[in-house]
């Protein structure tokens, strides 16, 4: 029961209700028990400022239009962990569609500062660059690598199984 109460509170906090409180009570009657939860959600925290910090300038240029037009995380909206997850997925998809095949969601972080008061939060998205070790053992950030296709051959009547059969005959 306490665990359920804690889970309800955690869910509310993920949805931006940082002052949420949940209490529980049990009433026993013969062979049954009745459990009641009292949820006091309070006011949700809203995004006051949404900024970005992108280490790789080329990635910043690529994502500029997305942040301006399509981002779900916007000033005035409720702070919501689900929005952050969707934002990570969308950015990851954009990066992969644009040739950044080694990009991963693990490069994307969110900082939420709730100390600004009045149930508001400043949210910053951080997009990190990969880290490599140089010949002296020093760690350095490097730009995300963009991959390109050069020669592309398309076989419209191609059957993949035929290649497998041919390669088995050569052994």
Protein backbone atom coordinates (compact mmCIF):
# COMPACT_ATOMS: atom_id res chain seq x y z
CA UNK A 1 0.00 0.00 0.00
CA UNK A 2 2.77 2.44 0.90
CA UNK A 3 4.55 1.37 -2.27
CA UNK A 4 1.46 2.21 -4.36
CA UNK A 5 1.20 5.57 -2.65
CA UNK A 6 4.87 6.27 -3.47
CA UNK A 7 4.32 5.20 -7.08
CA UNK A 8 1.37 7.58 -7.46
CA UNK A 9 3.48 10.42 -6.07
CA UNK A 10 6.38 9.52 -8.40
CA UNK A 11 4.03 9.52 -11.41
CA UNK A 12 2.71 12.95 -10.48
CA UNK A 13 6.25 14.29 -10.09
CA UNK A 14 7.13 12.94 -13.55
CA UNK A 15 4.15 14.93 -14.84
CA UNK A 16 5.41 18.16 -13.27
CA UNK A 17 3.53 18.09 -9.96
CA UNK A 18 6.61 18.42 -7.75
CA UNK A 19 4.63 19.29 -4.60
CA UNK A 20 2.31 16.28 -4.88
CA UNK A 21 1.45 14.31 -1.78
CA UNK A 22 -0.39 11.02 -1.50
CA UNK A 23 -1.81 9.46 1.64
CA UNK A 24 -3.48 6.10 2.05
CA UNK A 25 -5.84 4.46 4.49
CA UNK A 26 -7.32 1.00 4.94
CA UNK A 27 -10.72 0.09 6.32
CA UNK A 28 -11.34 -3.56 7.23
CA UNK A 29 -14.83 -5.02 7.18
CA UNK A 30 -15.25 -8.72 7.83
CA UNK A 31 -13.14 -10.48 5.18
CA UNK A 32 -12.56 -7.48 2.94
CA UNK A 33 -10.35 -4.45 3.05
CA UNK A 34 -11.00 -1.12 1.42
CA UNK A 35 -8.01 0.99 0.45
CA UNK A 36 -8.38 4.72 -0.17
CA UNK A 37 -5.77 7.03 -1.59
CA UNK A 38 -5.96 10.77 -1.15
CA UNK A 39 -4.00 12.61 -3.80
CA UNK A 40 -3.09 16.28 -3.45
CA UNK A 41 -1.43 17.14 -6.74
CA UNK A 42 -1.01 20.86 -6.21
CA UNK A 43 -0.10 23.18 -9.05
CA UNK A 44 2.06 21.81 -11.87
CA UNK A 45 5.41 23.36 -12.68
CA UNK A 46 5.49 25.11 -16.03
CA UNK A 47 8.45 25.81 -18.27
CA UNK A 48 9.54 29.43 -17.89
CA UNK A 49 12.57 29.27 -20.23
CA UNK A 50 13.65 26.55 -22.63
CA UNK A 51 17.22 26.84 -23.88
CA UNK A 52 19.75 24.59 -25.53
CA UNK A 53 23.45 23.90 -25.21
CA UNK A 54 24.75 21.98 -28.21
CA UNK A 55 28.49 21.29 -28.28
CA UNK A 56 28.67 20.59 -32.04
CA UNK A 57 27.82 23.73 -34.10
CA UNK A 58 26.78 21.65 -37.15
CA UNK A 59 24.28 19.73 -35.04
CA UNK A 60 23.01 23.05 -33.69
CA UNK A 61 22.37 24.33 -37.21
CA UNK A 62 20.59 21.11 -38.15
CA UNK A 63 18.28 21.18 -35.11
CA UNK A 64 17.53 24.94 -35.11
CA UNK A 65 14.38 24.56 -37.24
CA UNK A 66 13.15 21.64 -35.13
CA UNK A 67 13.43 23.62 -31.89
CA UNK A 68 11.66 26.62 -33.42
CA UNK A 69 8.79 24.76 -35.11
CA UNK A 70 8.26 21.18 -33.96
CA UNK A 71 9.51 20.76 -30.41
CA UNK A 72 6.90 19.61 -27.86
CA UNK A 73 8.90 21.17 -25.04
CA UNK A 74 7.93 24.84 -25.06
CA UNK A 75 7.75 27.75 -22.68
CA UNK A 76 4.46 27.76 -20.78
CA UNK A 77 3.90 24.01 -21.05
CA UNK A 78 3.88 21.72 -18.05
CA UNK A 79 7.20 20.11 -17.11
CA UNK A 80 6.70 16.47 -18.14
CA UNK A 81 9.25 13.67 -18.34
CA UNK A 82 7.26 12.11 -21.21
CA UNK A 83 7.77 15.27 -23.29
CA UNK A 84 11.50 15.01 -22.67
CA UNK A 85 11.49 11.37 -23.81
CA UNK A 86 9.62 12.27 -26.99
CA UNK A 87 12.04 15.13 -27.61
CA UNK A 88 14.99 12.74 -27.32
CA UNK A 89 13.36 10.30 -29.75
CA UNK A 90 12.60 13.05 -32.29
CA UNK A 91 16.12 14.50 -32.15
CA UNK A 92 17.65 11.04 -32.48
CA UNK A 93 15.48 10.36 -35.55
CA UNK A 94 16.45 13.69 -37.17
CA UNK A 95 20.12 12.96 -36.61
CA UNK A 96 19.90 9.47 -38.11
CA UNK A 97 17.88 10.70 -41.10
CA UNK A 98 20.61 13.26 -41.79
CA UNK A 99 23.55 10.86 -41.86
CA UNK A 100 24.66 10.90 -38.21
CA UNK A 101 24.43 7.12 -37.94
CA UNK A 102 26.48 6.84 -34.74
CA UNK A 103 24.39 9.38 -32.88
CA UNK A 104 22.49 7.99 -29.90
CA UNK A 105 19.92 9.28 -27.41
CA UNK A 106 22.59 8.98 -24.72
CA UNK A 107 24.12 12.21 -26.02
CA UNK A 108 20.95 14.12 -25.02
CA UNK A 109 20.35 15.37 -21.47
CA UNK A 110 17.86 17.69 -19.80
CA UNK A 111 18.54 20.02 -16.88
CA UNK A 112 15.48 21.23 -14.98
CA UNK A 113 15.95 24.10 -12.53
CA UNK A 114 12.90 24.44 -10.26
CA UNK A 115 14.43 27.03 -7.92
CA UNK A 116 13.16 29.98 -9.98
CA UNK A 117 9.96 30.06 -7.88
CA UNK A 118 6.24 30.37 -8.59
CA UNK A 119 5.93 26.77 -9.79
CA UNK A 120 8.12 27.54 -12.77
CA UNK A 121 11.19 25.79 -14.11
CA UNK A 122 14.00 26.65 -16.47
CA UNK A 123 14.72 23.73 -18.77
CA UNK A 124 17.93 23.31 -20.74
CA UNK A 125 18.56 20.58 -23.29
CA UNK A 126 22.20 19.55 -23.59
CA UNK A 127 23.44 17.69 -26.65
CA UNK A 128 26.91 16.38 -25.99
CA UNK A 129 29.59 15.45 -28.50
CA UNK A 130 31.48 12.15 -28.52
CA UNK A 131 34.63 11.92 -26.43
CA UNK A 132 37.82 10.43 -27.84
CA UNK A 133 41.24 9.84 -26.33
CA UNK A 134 44.16 11.38 -28.19
CA UNK A 135 47.67 9.92 -28.54
CA UNK A 136 48.67 11.50 -25.19
CA UNK A 137 45.81 9.89 -23.29
CA UNK A 138 43.86 13.15 -23.03
CA UNK A 139 40.10 13.02 -23.49
CA UNK A 140 38.72 15.47 -26.05
CA UNK A 141 35.30 16.11 -27.49
CA UNK A 142 35.04 15.57 -31.22
CA UNK A 143 32.25 16.55 -33.61
CA UNK A 144 29.57 14.04 -34.48
CA UNK A 145 30.53 12.33 -37.73
CA UNK A 146 28.18 12.70 -40.68
CA UNK A 147 28.19 9.85 -43.17
CA UNK A 148 27.51 10.16 -46.88
CA UNK A 149 26.66 7.71 -49.62
CA UNK A 150 28.90 7.92 -52.66
CA UNK A 151 28.31 5.22 -55.27
CA UNK A 152 24.93 3.61 -54.95
CA UNK A 153 23.81 0.80 -57.22
CA UNK A 154 20.23 -0.38 -57.25
CA UNK A 155 19.26 -3.76 -58.66
CA UNK A 156 15.48 -3.63 -59.12
CA UNK A 157 15.09 -7.33 -60.03
CA UNK A 158 17.56 -8.53 -57.42
CA UNK A 159 16.84 -11.58 -55.27
CA UNK A 160 18.92 -11.65 -52.06
CA UNK A 161 18.74 -15.45 -51.84
CA UNK A 162 20.63 -15.77 -55.13
CA UNK A 163 23.73 -14.18 -53.55
CA UNK A 164 23.62 -16.65 -50.67
CA UNK A 165 23.39 -19.58 -53.10
CA UNK A 166 26.31 -18.25 -55.18
CA UNK A 167 28.53 -17.70 -52.13
CA UNK A 168 27.85 -21.23 -50.88
CA UNK A 169 28.83 -22.73 -54.26
CA UNK A 170 32.23 -20.95 -54.17
CA UNK A 171 33.30 -22.59 -50.88
